[in-house]
C-alpha atoms as a PDB file:
ATOM      1  CA  MET A   1     -76.784 -16.242  60.504  1.00  0.00           C
ATOM      2  CA  GLN A   2     -78.629 -16.763  57.270  1.00  0.00           C
ATOM      3  CA  ALA A   3     -76.975 -18.066  54.011  1.00  0.00           C
ATOM      4  CA  ALA A   4     -77.194 -15.752  51.154  1.00  0.00           C
ATOM      5  CA  VAL A   5     -79.106 -17.308  48.320  1.00  0.00           C
ATOM      6  CA  THR A   6     -76.763 -17.701  45.361  1.00  0.00           C
ATOM      7  CA  SER A   7     -76.909 -19.989  42.527  1.00  0.00           C
ATOM      8  CA  GLN A   8     -75.084 -23.114  44.473  1.00  0.00           C
ATOM      9  CA  ASN A   9     -77.829 -23.387  46.748  1.00  0.00           C
ATOM     10  CA  ALA A  10     -81.185 -21.881  45.203  1.00  0.00           C
ATOM     11  CA  LEU A  11     -83.590 -24.574  43.718  1.00  0.00           C
ATOM     12  CA  PRO A  12     -85.350 -24.362  40.838  1.00  0.00           C
ATOM     13  CA  PRO A  13     -89.080 -22.891  41.059  1.00  0.00           C
ATOM     14  CA  PHE A  14     -90.747 -26.397  40.475  1.00  0.00           C
ATOM     15  CA  VAL A  15     -88.827 -28.133  42.985  1.00  0.00           C
ATOM     16  CA  LEU A  16     -89.678 -25.201  45.516  1.00  0.00           C
ATOM     17  CA  ARG A  17     -93.626 -25.794  44.242  1.00  0.00           C
ATOM     18  CA  ILE A  18     -93.305 -29.441  44.852  1.00  0.00           C
ATOM     19  CA  ILE A  19     -91.649 -29.162  48.427  1.00  0.00           C
ATOM     20  CA  ARG A  20     -94.379 -26.878  49.502  1.00  0.00           C
ATOM     21  CA  GLU A  21     -97.288 -28.934  48.185  1.00  0.00           C
ATOM     22  CA  THR A  22     -95.732 -32.072  49.853  1.00  0.00           C
ATOM     23  CA  PHE A  23     -95.224 -29.847  53.057  1.00  0.00           C
ATOM     24  CA  GLU A  24     -98.602 -28.774  53.540  1.00  0.00           C
ATOM     25  CA  SER A  25    -100.036 -32.118  52.305  1.00  0.00           C
ATOM     26  CA  THR A  26     -97.827 -33.937  54.963  1.00  0.00           C
ATOM     27  CA  ILE A  27     -98.557 -31.490  57.664  1.00  0.00           C
ATOM     28  CA  GLY A  28    -102.507 -31.823  57.068  1.00  0.00           C
ATOM     29  CA  GLU A  29    -102.174 -35.748  57.363  1.00  0.00           C
ATOM     30  CA  LEU A  30    -100.366 -35.528  60.601  1.00  0.00           C
ATOM     31  CA  GLU A  31    -102.815 -33.167  61.924  1.00  0.00           C
ATOM     32  CA  GLN A  32    -105.738 -35.259  60.962  1.00  0.00           C
ATOM     33  CA  ARG A  33    -103.777 -38.219  62.538  1.00  0.00           C
ATOM     34  CA  HIS A  34    -102.490 -36.782  65.809  1.00  0.00           C
ATOM     35  CA  GLY A  35    -104.080 -33.734  66.114  1.00  0.00           C
ATOM     36  CA  SER A  36    -103.104 -29.850  65.394  1.00  0.00           C
ATOM     37  CA  HIS A  37    -101.523 -30.104  68.713  1.00  0.00           C
ATOM     38  CA  ALA A  38     -99.099 -32.518  67.888  1.00  0.00           C
ATOM     39  CA  VAL A  39     -97.574 -30.788  65.487  1.00  0.00           C
ATOM     40  CA  THR A  40     -95.553 -28.063  66.490  1.00  0.00           C
ATOM     41  CA  ASP A  41     -93.271 -25.341  65.448  1.00  0.00           C
ATOM     42  CA  TYR A  42     -90.477 -27.552  65.684  1.00  0.00           C
ATOM     43  CA  THR A  43     -92.111 -30.406  63.715  1.00  0.00           C
ATOM     44  CA  ARG A  44     -93.073 -27.927  60.880  1.00  0.00           C
ATOM     45  CA  ALA A  45     -89.249 -26.780  60.671  1.00  0.00           C
ATOM     46  CA  ALA A  46     -87.611 -30.666  60.842  1.00  0.00           C
ATOM     47  CA  LEU A  47     -89.618 -31.278  58.215  1.00  0.00           C
ATOM     48  CA  ALA A  48     -89.087 -28.618  56.103  1.00  0.00           C
ATOM     49  CA  ARG A  49     -84.974 -28.529  56.478  1.00  0.00           C
ATOM     50  CA  GLN A  50     -85.444 -32.419  55.952  1.00  0.00           C
ATOM     51  CA  MET A  51     -87.359 -31.941  52.578  1.00  0.00           C
ATOM     52  CA  VAL A  52     -85.324 -29.230  51.094  1.00  0.00           C
ATOM     53  CA  ARG A  53     -81.931 -31.478  52.214  1.00  0.00           C
ATOM     54  CA  LEU A  54     -83.664 -33.977  50.297  1.00  0.00           C
ATOM     55  CA  ALA A  55     -84.192 -32.065  47.435  1.00  0.00           C
ATOM     56  CA  ARG A  56     -80.949 -30.542  47.455  1.00  0.00           C
ATOM     57  CA  ASN A  57     -79.338 -34.115  46.928  1.00  0.00           C
ATOM     58  CA  GLY A  58     -81.771 -34.711  43.959  1.00  0.00           C
ATOM     59  CA  GLU A  59     -85.401 -35.965  45.567  1.00  0.00           C
ATOM     60  CA  CYS A  60     -88.190 -34.669  43.952  1.00  0.00           C
ATOM     61  CA  ASN A  61     -90.661 -37.279  44.252  1.00  0.00           C
ATOM     62  CA  PRO A  62     -93.434 -36.618  46.660  1.00  0.00           C
ATOM     63  CA  ALA A  63     -94.325 -39.505  47.919  1.00  0.00           C
ATOM     64  CA  ARG A  64     -90.550 -40.131  48.771  1.00  0.00           C
ATOM     65  CA  LEU A  65     -89.969 -36.510  49.652  1.00  0.00           C
ATOM     66  CA  GLN A  66     -92.844 -36.922  52.607  1.00  0.00           C
ATOM     67  CA  THR A  67     -91.548 -40.799  53.367  1.00  0.00           C
ATOM     68  CA  GLN A  68     -88.328 -39.569  53.686  1.00  0.00           C
ATOM     69  CA  ALA A  69     -89.091 -36.505  55.504  1.00  0.00           C
ATOM     70  CA  LEU A  70     -91.276 -38.164  57.868  1.00  0.00           C
ATOM     71  CA  ASN A  71     -88.604 -40.887  58.885  1.00  0.00           C
ATOM     72  CA  CYS A  72     -86.556 -38.112  60.619  1.00  0.00           C
ATOM     73  CA  VAL A  73     -89.469 -36.836  62.743  1.00  0.00           C
ATOM     74  CA  HIS A  74     -90.647 -38.642  65.744  1.00  0.00           C
ATOM     75  CA  LEU A  75     -94.141 -38.174  66.866  1.00  0.00           C
END
């Protein structure tokens, strides 16, 4: 069941843009390092969830978002 988007859990557009750009950059780097076969749907989902969680806790720096999200994903 998906939670409804409310003012308590919605992120501002600029934060969503940072997450999206950081996510896409991170996936691109992983594919270059390990090959596209290594970046599974599970890995993509885990990275996305972690980046959103970090952003909800106030992290909006792309480099830190990437580093901290990658620490949670094992390739």
